[in-house]
């Protein structure tokens, strides 16, 4: 499980905000809904994404999480090549 330290709700992160992933200091580029999943009882659950990048290297990353279960669902991905997102093992994410 990833340790999460929040200075504000994740839903308030916007373009230009700083996010620390382990020792990387990254910048938010975009934040939105990746897709909606059907859950029990006819309910839908939003899977969210935050596009982030390293301003020093211009390398792209993405945070994915479920809106209703941030602590258990947050994952960080690194873009490798043109289209392949690879899940990273991270200890902590902070904003």
Protein backbone atom coordinates (compact mmCIF):
# COMPACT_ATOMS: atom_id res chain seq x y z
CA UNK A 1 0.00 0.00 0.00
CA UNK A 2 1.21 3.51 -0.88
CA UNK A 3 1.56 6.06 1.93
CA UNK A 4 -0.40 9.18 0.96
CA UNK A 5 0.19 12.64 2.49
CA UNK A 6 -2.39 15.22 1.45
CA UNK A 7 -2.25 19.00 1.92
CA UNK A 8 -5.67 19.23 0.22
CA UNK A 9 -8.19 16.75 -1.24
CA UNK A 10 -6.91 14.92 -4.31
CA UNK A 11 -9.92 16.18 -6.26
CA UNK A 12 -8.54 19.74 -5.85
CA UNK A 13 -5.25 18.99 -7.64
CA UNK A 14 -4.98 21.04 -10.82
CA UNK A 15 -2.56 21.93 -13.60
CA UNK A 16 0.69 23.32 -12.22
CA UNK A 17 0.38 21.76 -8.73
CA UNK A 18 3.40 19.83 -7.44
CA UNK A 19 3.20 16.13 -6.53
CA UNK A 20 6.05 14.23 -4.89
CA UNK A 21 6.34 10.53 -5.82
CA UNK A 22 9.07 9.01 -3.65
CA UNK A 23 12.01 11.34 -4.45
CA UNK A 24 10.63 12.74 -7.73
CA UNK A 25 9.00 16.18 -7.71
CA UNK A 26 6.46 16.17 -10.52
CA UNK A 27 3.97 18.68 -11.92
CA UNK A 28 0.27 18.11 -12.64
CA UNK A 29 -0.67 18.50 -16.30
CA UNK A 30 -4.27 17.20 -16.33
CA UNK A 31 -6.82 15.58 -13.98
CA UNK A 32 -9.98 13.78 -15.00
CA UNK A 33 -12.06 10.62 -15.27
CA UNK A 34 -10.31 7.66 -16.91
CA UNK A 35 -13.48 5.52 -17.02
CA UNK A 36 -16.55 4.62 -15.04
CA UNK A 37 -17.00 1.07 -13.77
CA UNK A 38 -20.29 -0.58 -12.87
CA UNK A 39 -20.51 -1.55 -9.21
CA UNK A 40 -23.11 -3.46 -7.25
CA UNK A 41 -26.60 -2.05 -6.90
CA UNK A 42 -26.52 -0.24 -10.23
CA UNK A 43 -23.97 2.22 -8.90
CA UNK A 44 -21.01 3.44 -10.95
CA UNK A 45 -17.53 4.15 -9.60
CA UNK A 46 -15.21 6.66 -11.28
CA UNK A 47 -11.62 5.64 -11.97
CA UNK A 48 -9.66 8.88 -12.04
CA UNK A 49 -6.31 9.86 -13.55
CA UNK A 50 -3.80 12.62 -12.95
CA UNK A 51 -1.28 13.19 -15.73
CA UNK A 52 1.99 14.36 -14.18
CA UNK A 53 5.44 15.01 -15.61
CA UNK A 54 8.99 15.68 -14.51
CA UNK A 55 9.77 19.26 -15.63
CA UNK A 56 13.52 18.46 -15.57
CA UNK A 57 13.35 15.46 -17.92
CA UNK A 58 9.89 15.91 -19.52
CA UNK A 59 9.17 12.25 -18.62
CA UNK A 60 5.45 11.43 -18.24
CA UNK A 61 3.76 9.67 -15.34
CA UNK A 62 0.18 9.02 -14.33
CA UNK A 63 -1.59 8.54 -11.02
CA UNK A 64 -4.74 6.40 -11.12
CA UNK A 65 -7.22 5.96 -8.31
CA UNK A 66 -10.85 5.24 -7.58
CA UNK A 67 -12.70 8.29 -6.33
CA UNK A 68 -14.42 6.39 -3.51
CA UNK A 69 -11.33 4.47 -2.29
CA UNK A 70 -8.17 6.57 -2.67
CA UNK A 71 -6.08 4.91 0.05
CA UNK A 72 -6.47 1.37 -1.29
CA UNK A 73 -6.55 2.08 -5.02
CA UNK A 74 -3.85 4.69 -5.76
CA UNK A 75 -1.29 3.49 -8.32
CA UNK A 76 1.48 5.32 -10.19
CA UNK A 77 2.45 4.55 -13.80
CA UNK A 78 5.38 5.60 -15.96
CA UNK A 79 5.04 6.08 -19.71
CA UNK A 80 7.58 3.92 -21.53
CA UNK A 81 7.77 4.27 -25.28
CA UNK A 82 4.84 5.78 -27.13
CA UNK A 83 1.84 4.06 -25.56
CA UNK A 84 2.89 1.69 -22.76
CA UNK A 85 2.06 2.65 -19.17
CA UNK A 86 4.06 0.55 -16.69
CA UNK A 87 3.00 0.38 -13.05
CA UNK A 88 5.69 1.61 -10.64
CA UNK A 89 6.34 0.32 -7.14
CA UNK A 90 6.29 3.45 -4.99
CA UNK A 91 6.39 3.95 -1.25
CA UNK A 92 4.77 7.36 -0.97
CA UNK A 93 2.89 10.09 -2.80
CA UNK A 94 2.55 13.60 -1.40
CA UNK A 95 0.95 16.88 -2.44
